[in-house]
Amino acid sequence: MSSETTTPADPYTNLAETYDRLAEWAIVCQEESPRDRVADFLQTFWQAQHRPVRTVLEICCGTGLMLSELAGRGYAVTGLDRSAAMLERARRRMGEETTLFHAALPHIPAEAGKFDAVVSAAGGLNYLSEAQISATFGAVARVLPAGGTFTFDVFGQGFYRKFFDPSAPRVMALELDDTSYIWTFSASAEEEFVDMAYTQFSPAPAADGGEQVFIRTRDLHRYYPLPHAAVRRLAAEHGFTDAKVYDNYSAQPSGPNALYDTWTMVRSRS
């Protein structure tokens, strides 16, 4: 058995093929919300608003898991992601009739006021610094009309305490079928971000009679904790009102032990 090491420019190039399996593991073992529960939360929130929701943009849509759930409930969906590999998977899932944008936030290549709602339901905004979050809020505000809604999730305070210790790195390993994963979590009290070094071992197509070769992919994922006060300030600066934060797509407010924060807000002006 041998291995080849790659470090792709797109950190999801090799992860895309196994992403859906990993997403199911995160639901079972890391307390992420299943897509049907996320959709239930969104519908409850949307139905409480004055503006009906028909058109939905998901930013950081990944392989289209949430797009598929919402499309199945009758919404007209559009997806955006920076990863071509993830969008390829989304295209297979959604078909040619669904619009998918290949773009990196804060760029949203859509006309102003086009969507009734914008969502980010897979933690994609964790990768953005506060300045990038601000620019993204501005871009989202542009494609929403007055009364349009923005819902997104990011890691909560409990998540950072669970995985990141400034005194020493933490390591977690997982094997799913024929693919293995190793995560190394590191943090520094002096930095505004934390790092997750990610290594994946996945089988390469084997030549007839040859030994099995595994592709080792190494990536660095950098996350920026997002304080509640910062979100509320940026929301107000970009014309959003009624910014509320919940514990992982539940009716409970987010607290210091929440693993995942779910934010909702409403576009107040054009």
Protein backbone atom coordinates (compact mmCIF):
# COMPACT_ATOMS: atom_id res chain seq x y z
CA MET A 1 0.00 0.00 0.00
CA SER A 2 1.35 3.45 -0.86
CA SER A 3 0.11 7.02 -0.81
CA GLU A 4 0.36 10.20 -2.86
CA THR A 5 0.02 13.61 -1.24
CA THR A 6 -1.92 16.49 -2.79
CA THR A 7 -2.74 19.97 -1.52
CA PRO A 8 -5.43 21.29 -3.87
CA ALA A 9 -6.10 25.00 -4.25
CA ASP A 10 -9.77 24.20 -3.65
CA PRO A 11 -9.86 22.51 -0.22
CA TYR A 12 -13.01 20.63 -1.20
CA THR A 13 -11.67 19.04 -4.40
CA ASN A 14 -11.17 15.60 -2.84
CA LEU A 15 -13.59 16.06 0.04
CA ALA A 16 -16.54 16.61 -2.34
CA GLU A 17 -16.88 12.92 -3.21
CA THR A 18 -17.24 11.87 0.44
CA TYR A 19 -18.83 15.07 1.78
CA ASP A 20 -22.36 13.68 2.02
CA ARG A 21 -21.22 10.70 4.13
CA LEU A 22 -19.25 13.02 6.37
CA ALA A 23 -22.27 15.30 6.71
CA GLU A 24 -24.39 12.39 7.92
CA TRP A 25 -21.70 11.46 10.45
CA ALA A 26 -21.67 15.06 11.74
CA ILE A 27 -25.43 14.89 12.30
CA VAL A 28 -25.19 11.64 14.25
CA CYS A 29 -21.95 12.26 16.16
CA GLN A 30 -21.41 16.04 16.27
CA GLU A 31 -24.98 17.20 16.95
CA GLU A 32 -25.42 19.07 13.67
CA SER A 33 -29.04 19.55 12.64
CA PRO A 34 -30.45 17.26 9.93
CA ARG A 35 -31.66 19.06 6.82
CA ASP A 36 -35.33 18.38 7.48
CA ARG A 37 -35.08 20.04 10.91
CA VAL A 38 -33.30 23.02 9.35
CA ALA A 39 -36.06 23.31 6.76
CA ASP A 40 -38.74 23.08 9.45
CA PHE A 41 -37.03 25.92 11.33
CA LEU A 42 -36.78 28.03 8.18
CA GLN A 43 -40.42 27.52 7.27
CA THR A 44 -41.57 28.43 10.76
CA PHE A 45 -39.49 31.61 10.65
CA TRP A 46 -40.60 32.52 7.13
CA GLN A 47 -44.28 31.96 7.86
CA ALA A 48 -44.06 34.43 10.75
CA GLN A 49 -42.91 37.22 8.41
CA HIS A 50 -44.97 39.66 6.38
CA ARG A 51 -43.29 38.78 3.08
CA PRO A 52 -44.08 35.35 1.61
CA VAL A 53 -41.04 33.27 0.65
CA ARG A 54 -40.94 31.68 -2.78
CA THR A 55 -37.39 32.26 -4.04
CA VAL A 56 -34.42 31.21 -1.90
CA LEU A 57 -30.68 31.67 -2.38
CA GLU A 58 -28.38 29.40 -0.41
CA ILE A 59 -24.84 30.75 -0.11
CA CYS A 60 -22.12 28.16 0.59
CA CYS A 61 -24.52 25.52 -0.74
CA GLY A 62 -21.95 22.71 -0.99
CA THR A 63 -23.25 19.56 -2.66
CA GLY A 64 -26.85 20.79 -2.63
CA LEU A 65 -28.20 18.85 0.36
CA MET A 66 -30.17 21.83 1.68
CA LEU A 67 -31.14 23.01 -1.79
CA SER A 68 -32.69 19.61 -2.45
CA GLU A 69 -34.63 19.67 0.82
CA LEU A 70 -36.07 23.12 0.11
CA ALA A 71 -36.82 22.35 -3.54
CA GLY A 72 -38.73 19.29 -2.39
CA ARG A 73 -40.92 21.60 -0.29
CA GLY A 74 -41.82 23.73 -3.30
CA TYR A 75 -39.34 26.62 -3.10
CA ALA A 76 -37.53 27.96 -6.16
CA VAL A 77 -33.89 27.60 -5.14
CA THR A 78 -30.56 28.99 -6.31
CA GLY A 79 -27.16 27.94 -4.97
CA LEU A 80 -23.77 29.62 -4.64
CA ASP A 81 -20.44 28.10 -3.66
CA ARG A 82 -16.75 28.86 -4.17
CA SER A 83 -15.88 25.19 -4.79
CA ALA A 84 -16.28 23.92 -8.33
CA ALA A 85 -16.02 20.33 -7.07
CA MET A 86 -18.87 20.80 -4.61
CA LEU A 87 -21.01 22.53 -7.23
CA GLU A 88 -20.45 19.65 -9.61
CA ARG A 89 -21.99 17.34 -7.01
CA ALA A 90 -24.83 19.84 -6.48
CA ARG A 91 -25.47 19.88 -10.23
CA ARG A 92 -25.79 16.10 -10.31
CA ARG A 93 -28.27 16.29 -7.45
CA MET A 94 -30.33 19.26 -8.62
CA GLY A 95 -30.26 18.91 -12.41
CA GLU A 96 -29.76 21.52 -15.09
CA GLU A 97 -32.87 23.54 -14.23
CA THR A 98 -31.41 24.88 -10.97
CA THR A 99 -29.22 27.99 -11.14
CA LEU A 100 -25.86 27.49 -9.43
CA PHE A 101 -23.32 30.30 -9.10
CA HIS A 102 -19.59 29.56 -8.87
CA ALA A 103 -18.45 32.54 -6.80
CA ALA A 104 -16.63 33.40 -3.60
CA LEU A 105 -18.25 35.59 -0.98
CA PRO A 106 -18.85 38.45 -0.70
CA HIS A 107 -19.54 38.36 -4.45
CA ILE A 108 -23.12 37.36 -5.25
CA PRO A 109 -23.69 37.61 -9.03
CA ALA A 110 -27.44 38.19 -8.92
CA GLU A 111 -29.67 41.20 -9.54
CA ALA A 112 -30.79 43.39 -6.66
CA GLY A 113 -33.88 42.29 -4.75
CA LYS A 114 -34.07 38.95 -6.58
CA PHE A 115 -34.67 36.61 -3.61
CA ASP A 116 -37.24 36.50 -0.84
CA ALA A 117 -34.79 34.73 1.49
CA VAL A 118 -31.07 34.01 1.74
CA VAL A 119 -29.76 31.12 3.83
CA SER A 120 -26.39 29.61 4.71
CA ALA A 121 -27.04 26.29 6.38
CA ALA A 122 -23.71 24.48 6.47
CA GLY A 123 -21.36 26.70 8.46
CA GLY A 124 -19.80 28.36 5.43
CA LEU A 125 -19.59 31.76 7.09
CA ASN A 126 -17.19 30.36 9.70
CA TYR A 127 -14.40 30.97 7.18
CA LEU A 128 -14.96 34.75 6.99
CA SER A 129 -13.23 37.41 9.05
CA GLU A 130 -15.35 40.18 10.54
CA ALA A 131 -14.51 42.45 7.59
CA GLN A 132 -15.56 39.72 5.15
CA ILE A 133 -18.73 39.04 7.14
CA SER A 134 -19.57 42.74 6.90
CA ALA A 135 -19.06 42.73 3.13
CA THR A 136 -21.17 39.57 2.84
CA PHE A 137 -23.98 41.14 4.86
CA GLY A 138 -23.89 44.03 2.40
CA ALA A 139 -24.05 41.67 -0.59
CA VAL A 140 -26.93 39.70 0.94
CA ALA A 141 -28.80 42.93 1.70
CA ARG A 142 -28.49 43.95 -1.96
CA VAL A 143 -30.21 40.80 -3.29
CA LEU A 144 -33.05 40.98 -0.74
CA PRO A 145 -36.05 43.30 -0.96
CA ALA A 146 -37.46 45.03 2.10
CA GLY A 147 -38.95 42.32 4.29
CA GLY A 148 -36.64 39.64 2.90
CA THR A 149 -34.91 37.40 5.42
CA PHE A 150 -31.38 36.16 6.08
CA THR A 151 -30.72 32.99 8.10
CA PHE A 152 -27.30 31.44 8.69
CA ASP A 153 -25.42 29.23 11.11
CA VAL A 154 -21.90 29.45 12.54
CA PHE A 155 -20.01 27.66 15.29
CA GLY A 156 -21.08 28.66 18.78
CA GLN A 157 -19.03 29.29 21.90
CA GLY A 158 -19.43 25.68 23.00
CA PHE A 159 -17.91 24.41 19.75
CA TYR A 160 -14.75 26.45 20.16
CA ARG A 161 -14.32 25.34 23.76
CA LYS A 162 -14.86 21.70 22.78
CA PHE A 163 -12.31 21.55 19.97
CA PHE A 164 -9.82 24.40 20.41
CA ASP A 165 -7.45 24.70 23.35
CA PRO A 166 -4.82 27.50 23.20
CA SER A 167 -2.54 25.46 25.48
CA ALA A 168 -2.16 22.49 23.11
CA PRO A 169 -3.50 21.16 19.76
CA ARG A 170 -6.27 18.56 19.80
CA VAL A 171 -6.46 15.67 17.34
CA MET A 172 -9.47 13.67 16.16
CA ALA A 173 -9.51 10.76 13.69
CA LEU A 174 -12.33 9.00 11.85
CA GLU A 175 -12.68 6.14 9.38
CA LEU A 176 -15.77 5.92 7.17
CA ASP A 177 -15.78 2.91 4.85
CA ASP A 178 -12.67 3.28 2.67
CA THR A 179 -11.81 6.87 3.62
CA SER A 180 -9.97 8.08 6.71
CA TYR A 181 -9.85 11.57 8.19
CA ILE A 182 -7.56 13.26 10.70
CA TRP A 183 -8.27 16.70 12.13
CA THR A 184 -5.83 18.75 14.19
CA PHE A 185 -7.37 21.72 16.00
CA SER A 186 -5.10 24.54 17.13
CA ALA A 187 -5.66 28.00 18.58
CA SER A 188 -3.63 30.90 19.87
CA ALA A 189 -4.75 33.45 22.43
CA GLU A 190 -3.04 36.14 20.31
CA GLU A 191 -4.93 35.44 17.06
CA GLU A 192 -8.48 36.27 16.03
CA PHE A 193 -8.82 32.93 14.24
CA VAL A 194 -8.38 29.21 14.92
CA ASP A 195 -7.03 26.58 12.55
CA MET A 196 -8.16 23.08 11.66
CA ALA A 197 -5.51 21.13 9.75
CA TYR A 198 -7.29 18.45 7.77
CA THR A 199 -5.85 15.25 6.29
CA GLN A 200 -7.87 12.79 4.22
CA PHE A 201 -6.81 9.36 2.93
CA SER A 202 -8.99 8.18 0.05
CA PRO A 203 -8.42 5.28 -2.39
CA ALA A 204 -7.22 6.02 -5.89
CA PRO A 205 -8.39 3.84 -8.77
CA ALA A 206 -6.17 0.75 -8.66
CA ALA A 207 -4.44 -0.55 -11.76
CA ASP A 208 -5.11 -4.20 -12.64
CA GLY A 209 -2.96 -6.35 -10.38
CA GLY A 210 -1.32 -3.33 -8.77
CA GLU A 211 -1.24 -2.37 -5.13
CA GLN A 212 -3.87 -0.09 -3.69
CA VAL A 213 -2.80 3.55 -3.72
CA PHE A 214 -4.32 6.09 -1.36
CA ILE A 215 -4.45 9.80 -2.07
CA ARG A 216 -3.52 11.88 0.96
CA THR A 217 -5.05 15.34 0.86
CA ARG A 218 -3.92 18.05 3.23
CA ASP A 219 -5.77 21.32 3.74
CA LEU A 220 -5.90 24.11 6.28
CA HIS A 221 -9.31 25.40 7.33
CA ARG A 222 -9.23 28.73 9.18
CA TYR A 223 -12.25 29.74 11.24
CA TYR A 224 -13.14 33.10 12.78
CA PRO A 225 -15.27 33.09 15.96
CA LEU A 226 -18.20 35.46 15.54
CA PRO A 227 -19.35 37.19 18.75
CA HIS A 228 -23.05 37.91 19.10
CA ALA A 229 -22.43 41.61 19.62
CA ALA A 230 -20.50 41.83 16.34
CA VAL A 231 -23.32 40.17 14.37
CA ARG A 232 -25.92 42.54 15.80
CA ARG A 233 -23.75 45.57 15.04
CA LEU A 234 -23.04 44.48 11.45
CA ALA A 235 -26.68 43.55 10.87
CA ALA A 236 -27.79 47.05 11.89
CA GLU A 237 -25.09 48.66 9.73
CA HIS A 238 -26.38 46.83 6.65
CA GLY A 239 -30.07 47.47 7.16
CA PHE A 240 -31.19 44.33 8.98
CA THR A 241 -33.51 44.35 11.97
CA ASP A 242 -34.75 41.85 14.53
CA ALA A 243 -31.46 39.93 14.63
CA LYS A 244 -31.93 36.87 16.85
CA VAL A 245 -29.69 33.92 17.62
CA TYR A 246 -30.90 30.41 18.47
CA ASP A 247 -29.30 27.20 19.62
CA ASN A 248 -28.82 24.98 16.56
CA TYR A 249 -32.11 25.46 14.70
CA SER A 250 -34.24 25.14 17.82
CA ALA A 251 -36.61 27.54 19.54
CA GLN A 252 -34.11 28.01 22.38
CA PRO A 253 -31.89 31.12 22.47
CA SER A 254 -28.20 30.45 21.97
CA GLY A 255 -26.09 30.49 25.12
CA PRO A 256 -22.45 30.02 26.12
CA ASN A 257 -22.65 26.22 25.72
CA ALA A 258 -24.23 26.17 22.25
CA LEU A 259 -22.25 24.22 19.67
CA TYR A 260 -23.95 25.99 16.77
CA ASP A 261 -25.49 29.45 16.52
CA THR A 262 -28.45 29.97 14.19
CA TRP A 263 -29.09 33.61 13.25
CA THR A 264 -32.24 35.13 11.78
CA MET A 265 -32.75 38.72 10.64
CA VAL A 266 -35.01 40.77 8.37
CA ARG A 267 -34.08 43.28 5.67
CA SER A 268 -35.56 46.59 6.72
CA ARG A 269 -34.73 48.91 3.83
CA SER A 270 -33.48 48.87 0.26
